[in-house]
Amino acid sequence: MPRIPVHTLDSAPENSRDQLKALEAKFGKVLNIHGEMAHSPVVLQSYVALQSVIADYSSYDARTREAIALAVGNIDDCSYCQAAHTGGGKAAGLSEDEMIDIRRGTVEFDAKLAALLSLAREYTRDVGNVAEATWQAALDAGWTDEQLTELSVHVTLNLLTNYFNHFVQTELDITAAPGI
């Protein structure tokens, strides 16, 4: 059971309403995570701001961004985020089997992506620390220093949502990710 209620557009604090309305328009409804984030305009606006910066400046395509989110969500055991990014991954062109492989950490279908996701998983699991060999493997696979640096923002955004969902115990209001 969630620790806080899910706000609607009518019940949300004034400083959360514009962002909540935009998210409702994007997803077709107020998702539980967004309605809970709305309790604090700082939380909701931080989330929206990171999403906006990524949309405007990311060097990663949607497929890569969703793969990162699936990998991080699996390491953090966030069922809500794995479900959300399974939907996003499908929209970005990932197959169900590919998404299951990403969550398992067995990305044999794309060596370049596998190297980046190994880095993302290690970054998440080891609280920002990564082995030189993991970093170098990503470079050797074709990722640039800029892209590896950018990975920190993608992991951070996913940690924000993963931790938030654990913290407030967000209930799943979307289709669950398939089991692995």
C-alpha atoms as a PDB file:
ATOM      1  CA  MET A   1       0.000   0.000   0.000  1.00  0.00           C
ATOM      2  CA  PRO A   2       1.409   3.413  -0.913  1.00  0.00           C
ATOM      3  CA  ARG A   3       2.537   5.726   1.857  1.00  0.00           C
ATOM      4  CA  ILE A   4       0.973   8.778   0.217  1.00  0.00           C
ATOM      5  CA  PRO A   5      -2.123   9.228  -1.925  1.00  0.00           C
ATOM      6  CA  VAL A   6      -1.932   9.825  -5.649  1.00  0.00           C
ATOM      7  CA  HIS A   7      -2.795  13.427  -6.470  1.00  0.00           C
ATOM      8  CA  THR A   8      -5.141  14.330  -9.286  1.00  0.00           C
ATOM      9  CA  LEU A   9      -4.939  17.570 -11.231  1.00  0.00           C
ATOM     10  CA  ASP A  10      -7.540  19.033  -8.876  1.00  0.00           C
ATOM     11  CA  SER A  11      -5.902  17.943  -5.634  1.00  0.00           C
ATOM     12  CA  ALA A  12      -2.248  18.604  -6.535  1.00  0.00           C
ATOM     13  CA  PRO A  13      -0.426  21.601  -5.070  1.00  0.00           C
ATOM     14  CA  GLU A  14      -0.605  24.637  -7.356  1.00  0.00           C
ATOM     15  CA  ASN A  15       3.119  24.471  -8.156  1.00  0.00           C
ATOM     16  CA  SER A  16       2.772  20.886  -9.400  1.00  0.00           C
ATOM     17  CA  ARG A  17      -0.304  21.270 -11.583  1.00  0.00           C
ATOM     18  CA  ASP A  18       1.278  22.425 -14.848  1.00  0.00           C
ATOM     19  CA  GLN A  19       3.811  19.608 -14.863  1.00  0.00           C
ATOM     20  CA  LEU A  20       1.193  17.055 -13.812  1.00  0.00           C
ATOM     21  CA  LYS A  21      -1.136  18.240 -16.579  1.00  0.00           C
ATOM     22  CA  ALA A  22       1.645  17.893 -19.163  1.00  0.00           C
ATOM     23  CA  LEU A  23       2.492  14.396 -17.926  1.00  0.00           C
ATOM     24  CA  GLU A  24      -1.189  13.423 -18.017  1.00  0.00           C
ATOM     25  CA  ALA A  25      -1.370  14.594 -21.634  1.00  0.00           C
ATOM     26  CA  LYS A  26       1.763  12.609 -22.525  1.00  0.00           C
ATOM     27  CA  PHE A  27       0.685   9.345 -20.868  1.00  0.00           C
ATOM     28  CA  GLY A  28      -3.104   9.615 -21.192  1.00  0.00           C
ATOM     29  CA  LYS A  29      -3.639   9.642 -17.433  1.00  0.00           C
ATOM     30  CA  VAL A  30      -1.970  10.699 -14.211  1.00  0.00           C
ATOM     31  CA  LEU A  31       0.348   7.800 -13.493  1.00  0.00           C
ATOM     32  CA  ASN A  32       0.691   6.853  -9.829  1.00  0.00           C
ATOM     33  CA  ILE A  33       4.363   7.855  -9.761  1.00  0.00           C
ATOM     34  CA  HIS A  34       3.574  11.329 -11.109  1.00  0.00           C
ATOM     35  CA  GLY A  35       0.578  11.819  -8.831  1.00  0.00           C
ATOM     36  CA  GLU A  36       2.747  10.911  -5.861  1.00  0.00           C
ATOM     37  CA  MET A  37       5.645  13.101  -6.991  1.00  0.00           C
ATOM     38  CA  ALA A  38       3.153  15.982  -7.187  1.00  0.00           C
ATOM     39  CA  HIS A  39       3.062  16.116  -3.371  1.00  0.00           C
ATOM     40  CA  SER A  40       6.344  17.994  -3.611  1.00  0.00           C
ATOM     41  CA  PRO A  41       6.784  20.471  -6.458  1.00  0.00           C
ATOM     42  CA  VAL A  42      10.552  20.115  -5.912  1.00  0.00           C
ATOM     43  CA  VAL A  43      10.369  16.384  -6.685  1.00  0.00           C
ATOM     44  CA  LEU A  44       8.024  16.647  -9.663  1.00  0.00           C
ATOM     45  CA  GLN A  45       9.781  19.628 -11.207  1.00  0.00           C
ATOM     46  CA  SER A  46      13.213  18.013 -10.730  1.00  0.00           C
ATOM     47  CA  TYR A  47      11.992  14.896 -12.505  1.00  0.00           C
ATOM     48  CA  VAL A  48      10.473  16.924 -15.341  1.00  0.00           C
ATOM     49  CA  ALA A  49      13.599  19.075 -15.657  1.00  0.00           C
ATOM     50  CA  LEU A  50      15.888  16.048 -15.987  1.00  0.00           C
ATOM     51  CA  GLN A  51      13.526  14.519 -18.547  1.00  0.00           C
ATOM     52  CA  SER A  52      13.518  17.793 -20.486  1.00  0.00           C
ATOM     53  CA  VAL A  53      17.313  18.146 -20.525  1.00  0.00           C
ATOM     54  CA  ILE A  54      17.644  14.573 -21.733  1.00  0.00           C
ATOM     55  CA  ALA A  55      15.028  15.134 -24.452  1.00  0.00           C
ATOM     56  CA  ASP A  56      16.821  18.285 -25.614  1.00  0.00           C
ATOM     57  CA  TYR A  57      20.470  17.239 -25.415  1.00  0.00           C
ATOM     58  CA  SER A  58      20.921  13.479 -25.127  1.00  0.00           C
ATOM     59  CA  SER A  59      23.251  11.799 -27.580  1.00  0.00           C
ATOM     60  CA  TYR A  60      21.456   8.488 -26.950  1.00  0.00           C
ATOM     61  CA  ASP A  61      18.513   7.377 -29.020  1.00  0.00           C
ATOM     62  CA  ALA A  62      15.261   6.309 -27.354  1.00  0.00           C
ATOM     63  CA  ARG A  63      16.171   2.612 -27.615  1.00  0.00           C
ATOM     64  CA  THR A  64      19.412   3.162 -25.690  1.00  0.00           C
ATOM     65  CA  ARG A  65      17.734   5.363 -23.071  1.00  0.00           C
ATOM     66  CA  GLU A  66      15.073   2.726 -22.421  1.00  0.00           C
ATOM     67  CA  ALA A  67      17.702  -0.014 -22.251  1.00  0.00           C
ATOM     68  CA  ILE A  68      19.602   1.972 -19.600  1.00  0.00           C
ATOM     69  CA  ALA A  69      16.389   2.441 -17.615  1.00  0.00           C
ATOM     70  CA  LEU A  70      15.596  -1.277 -17.795  1.00  0.00           C
ATOM     71  CA  ALA A  71      19.092  -2.234 -16.651  1.00  0.00           C
ATOM     72  CA  VAL A  72      19.089   0.242 -13.745  1.00  0.00           C
ATOM     73  CA  GLY A  73      15.530  -0.691 -12.745  1.00  0.00           C
ATOM     74  CA  ASN A  74      16.519  -4.343 -12.623  1.00  0.00           C
ATOM     75  CA  ILE A  75      19.599  -3.704 -10.460  1.00  0.00           C
ATOM     76  CA  ASP A  76      17.460  -1.592  -8.100  1.00  0.00           C
ATOM     77  CA  ASP A  77      14.593  -4.115  -8.191  1.00  0.00           C
ATOM     78  CA  CYS A  78      12.064  -1.429  -9.107  1.00  0.00           C
ATOM     79  CA  SER A  79       9.055  -3.250 -10.528  1.00  0.00           C
ATOM     80  CA  TYR A  80       7.304   0.039 -11.361  1.00  0.00           C
ATOM     81  CA  CYS A  81      10.185   1.349 -13.444  1.00  0.00           C
ATOM     82  CA  GLN A  82      10.750  -1.997 -15.146  1.00  0.00           C
ATOM     83  CA  ALA A  83       7.078  -1.992 -16.127  1.00  0.00           C
ATOM     84  CA  ALA A  84       7.135   1.624 -17.318  1.00  0.00           C
ATOM     85  CA  HIS A  85      10.297   1.142 -19.344  1.00  0.00           C
ATOM     86  CA  THR A  86       9.051  -2.106 -20.837  1.00  0.00           C
ATOM     87  CA  GLY A  87       6.299  -0.013 -22.419  1.00  0.00           C
ATOM     88  CA  GLY A  88       8.829   2.645 -23.385  1.00  0.00           C
ATOM     89  CA  GLY A  89      11.228   0.048 -24.732  1.00  0.00           C
ATOM     90  CA  LYS A  90       8.532  -1.455 -26.931  1.00  0.00           C
ATOM     91  CA  ALA A  91       7.743   2.019 -28.298  1.00  0.00           C
ATOM     92  CA  ALA A  92      11.479   2.554 -28.943  1.00  0.00           C
ATOM     93  CA  GLY A  93      11.780  -0.648 -30.958  1.00  0.00           C
ATOM     94  CA  LEU A  94      13.034  -3.191 -28.422  1.00  0.00           C
ATOM     95  CA  SER A  95      11.461  -6.631 -28.575  1.00  0.00           C
ATOM     96  CA  GLU A  96      10.152  -8.337 -25.452  1.00  0.00           C
ATOM     97  CA  ASP A  97      13.001 -10.856 -25.632  1.00  0.00           C
ATOM     98  CA  GLU A  98      15.570  -8.058 -25.924  1.00  0.00           C
ATOM     99  CA  MET A  99      14.094  -6.283 -22.896  1.00  0.00           C
ATOM    100  CA  ILE A 100      14.171  -9.488 -20.864  1.00  0.00           C
ATOM    101  CA  ASP A 101      17.805  -9.997 -21.893  1.00  0.00           C
ATOM    102  CA  ILE A 102      18.629  -6.420 -20.887  1.00  0.00           C
ATOM    103  CA  ARG A 103      17.060  -6.944 -17.476  1.00  0.00           C
ATOM    104  CA  ARG A 104      18.949 -10.246 -17.074  1.00  0.00           C
ATOM    105  CA  GLY A 105      22.216  -8.595 -18.111  1.00  0.00           C
ATOM    106  CA  THR A 106      22.703 -10.872 -21.111  1.00  0.00           C
ATOM    107  CA  VAL A 107      22.698  -8.484 -24.061  1.00  0.00           C
ATOM    108  CA  GLU A 108      24.120 -10.739 -26.775  1.00  0.00           C
ATOM    109  CA  PHE A 109      22.077  -9.109 -29.555  1.00  0.00           C
ATOM    110  CA  ASP A 110      24.094  -5.831 -29.546  1.00  0.00           C
ATOM    111  CA  ALA A 111      27.732  -5.795 -28.382  1.00  0.00           C
ATOM    112  CA  LYS A 112      27.985  -1.996 -28.273  1.00  0.00           C
ATOM    113  CA  LEU A 113      24.835  -1.666 -26.174  1.00  0.00           C
ATOM    114  CA  ALA A 114      25.999  -4.541 -23.957  1.00  0.00           C
ATOM    115  CA  ALA A 115      29.195  -2.648 -23.088  1.00  0.00           C
ATOM    116  CA  LEU A 116      27.253   0.494 -22.140  1.00  0.00           C
ATOM    117  CA  LEU A 117      24.742  -1.464 -20.062  1.00  0.00           C
ATOM    118  CA  SER A 118      27.539  -3.291 -18.240  1.00  0.00           C
ATOM    119  CA  LEU A 119      28.860   0.123 -17.274  1.00  0.00           C
ATOM    120  CA  ALA A 120      25.380   1.305 -16.216  1.00  0.00           C
ATOM    121  CA  ARG A 121      24.764  -1.793 -14.105  1.00  0.00           C
ATOM    122  CA  GLU A 122      28.147  -1.554 -12.392  1.00  0.00           C
ATOM    123  CA  TYR A 123      27.677   2.201 -11.839  1.00  0.00           C
ATOM    124  CA  THR A 124      24.309   1.490 -10.187  1.00  0.00           C
ATOM    125  CA  ARG A 125      25.331  -1.576  -8.198  1.00  0.00           C
ATOM    126  CA  ASP A 126      28.594  -0.072  -6.928  1.00  0.00           C
ATOM    127  CA  VAL A 127      27.228   3.384  -6.049  1.00  0.00           C
ATOM    128  CA  GLY A 128      28.932   5.262  -8.873  1.00  0.00           C
ATOM    129  CA  ASN A 129      32.158   3.287  -8.865  1.00  0.00           C
ATOM    130  CA  VAL A 130      33.199   1.421 -11.994  1.00  0.00           C
ATOM    131  CA  ALA A 131      36.279  -0.606 -12.852  1.00  0.00           C
ATOM    132  CA  GLU A 132      38.691   0.838 -15.375  1.00  0.00           C
ATOM    133  CA  ALA A 133      38.210  -2.306 -17.479  1.00  0.00           C
ATOM    134  CA  THR A 134      34.438  -1.721 -17.684  1.00  0.00           C
ATOM    135  CA  TRP A 135      34.956   1.909 -18.723  1.00  0.00           C
ATOM    136  CA  GLN A 136      37.552   0.908 -21.309  1.00  0.00           C
ATOM    137  CA  ALA A 137      35.339  -1.849 -22.695  1.00  0.00           C
ATOM    138  CA  ALA A 138      32.630   0.743 -23.354  1.00  0.00           C
ATOM    139  CA  LEU A 139      35.142   3.002 -25.109  1.00  0.00           C
ATOM    140  CA  ASP A 140      36.435   0.045 -27.128  1.00  0.00           C
ATOM    141  CA  ALA A 141      32.844  -0.782 -28.138  1.00  0.00           C
ATOM    142  CA  GLY A 142      32.519   2.665 -29.730  1.00  0.00           C
ATOM    143  CA  TRP A 143      31.065   4.912 -27.026  1.00  0.00           C
ATOM    144  CA  THR A 144      32.720   8.315 -26.575  1.00  0.00           C
ATOM    145  CA  ASP A 145      33.900  10.033 -23.408  1.00  0.00           C
ATOM    146  CA  GLU A 146      30.964  12.430 -23.839  1.00  0.00           C
ATOM    147  CA  GLN A 147      28.480   9.576 -24.029  1.00  0.00           C
ATOM    148  CA  LEU A 148      29.981   7.769 -21.042  1.00  0.00           C
ATOM    149  CA  THR A 149      29.857  11.002 -19.054  1.00  0.00           C
ATOM    150  CA  GLU A 150      26.240  11.495 -20.115  1.00  0.00           C
ATOM    151  CA  LEU A 151      25.425   8.045 -18.746  1.00  0.00           C
ATOM    152  CA  SER A 152      25.636   9.551 -15.249  1.00  0.00           C
ATOM    153  CA  VAL A 153      22.531  11.680 -15.893  1.00  0.00           C
ATOM    154  CA  HIS A 154      20.532   8.742 -17.216  1.00  0.00           C
ATOM    155  CA  VAL A 155      21.463   6.582 -14.243  1.00  0.00           C
ATOM    156  CA  THR A 156      20.702   9.472 -11.873  1.00  0.00           C
ATOM    157  CA  LEU A 157      17.235  10.020 -13.351  1.00  0.00           C
ATOM    158  CA  ASN A 158      16.492   6.317 -13.019  1.00  0.00           C
ATOM    159  CA  LEU A 159      17.835   6.194  -9.477  1.00  0.00           C
ATOM    160  CA  LEU A 160      15.542   9.124  -8.639  1.00  0.00           C
ATOM    161  CA  THR A 161      12.477   7.269  -9.881  1.00  0.00           C
ATOM    162  CA  ASN A 162      13.549   3.854  -8.549  1.00  0.00           C
ATOM    163  CA  TYR A 163      14.296   5.188  -5.088  1.00  0.00           C
ATOM    164  CA  PHE A 164      11.174   7.343  -5.074  1.00  0.00           C
ATOM    165  CA  ASN A 165       8.998   4.322  -5.874  1.00  0.00           C
ATOM    166  CA  HIS A 166      10.620   2.296  -3.101  1.00  0.00           C
ATOM    167  CA  PHE A 167      10.372   5.223  -0.676  1.00  0.00           C
ATOM    168  CA  VAL A 168       6.643   5.901  -1.124  1.00  0.00           C
ATOM    169  CA  GLN A 169       5.707   2.343  -2.168  1.00  0.00           C
ATOM    170  CA  THR A 170       4.124   3.284  -5.492  1.00  0.00           C
ATOM    171  CA  GLU A 171       1.455   0.822  -6.577  1.00  0.00           C
ATOM    172  CA  LEU A 172       1.629  -0.517 -10.111  1.00  0.00           C
ATOM    173  CA  ASP A 173      -1.025   1.077 -12.326  1.00  0.00           C
ATOM    174  CA  ILE A 174       0.477  -0.040 -15.638  1.00  0.00           C
ATOM    175  CA  THR A 175       1.094  -3.450 -17.175  1.00  0.00           C
ATOM    176  CA  ALA A 176       3.740  -5.356 -15.235  1.00  0.00           C
ATOM    177  CA  ALA A 177       7.001  -6.242 -16.938  1.00  0.00           C
ATOM    178  CA  PRO A 178       7.254  -9.885 -17.961  1.00  0.00           C
ATOM    179  CA  GLY A 179       9.066 -12.107 -15.500  1.00  0.00           C
ATOM    180  CA  ILE A 180      12.687 -12.976 -15.976  1.00  0.00           C
END
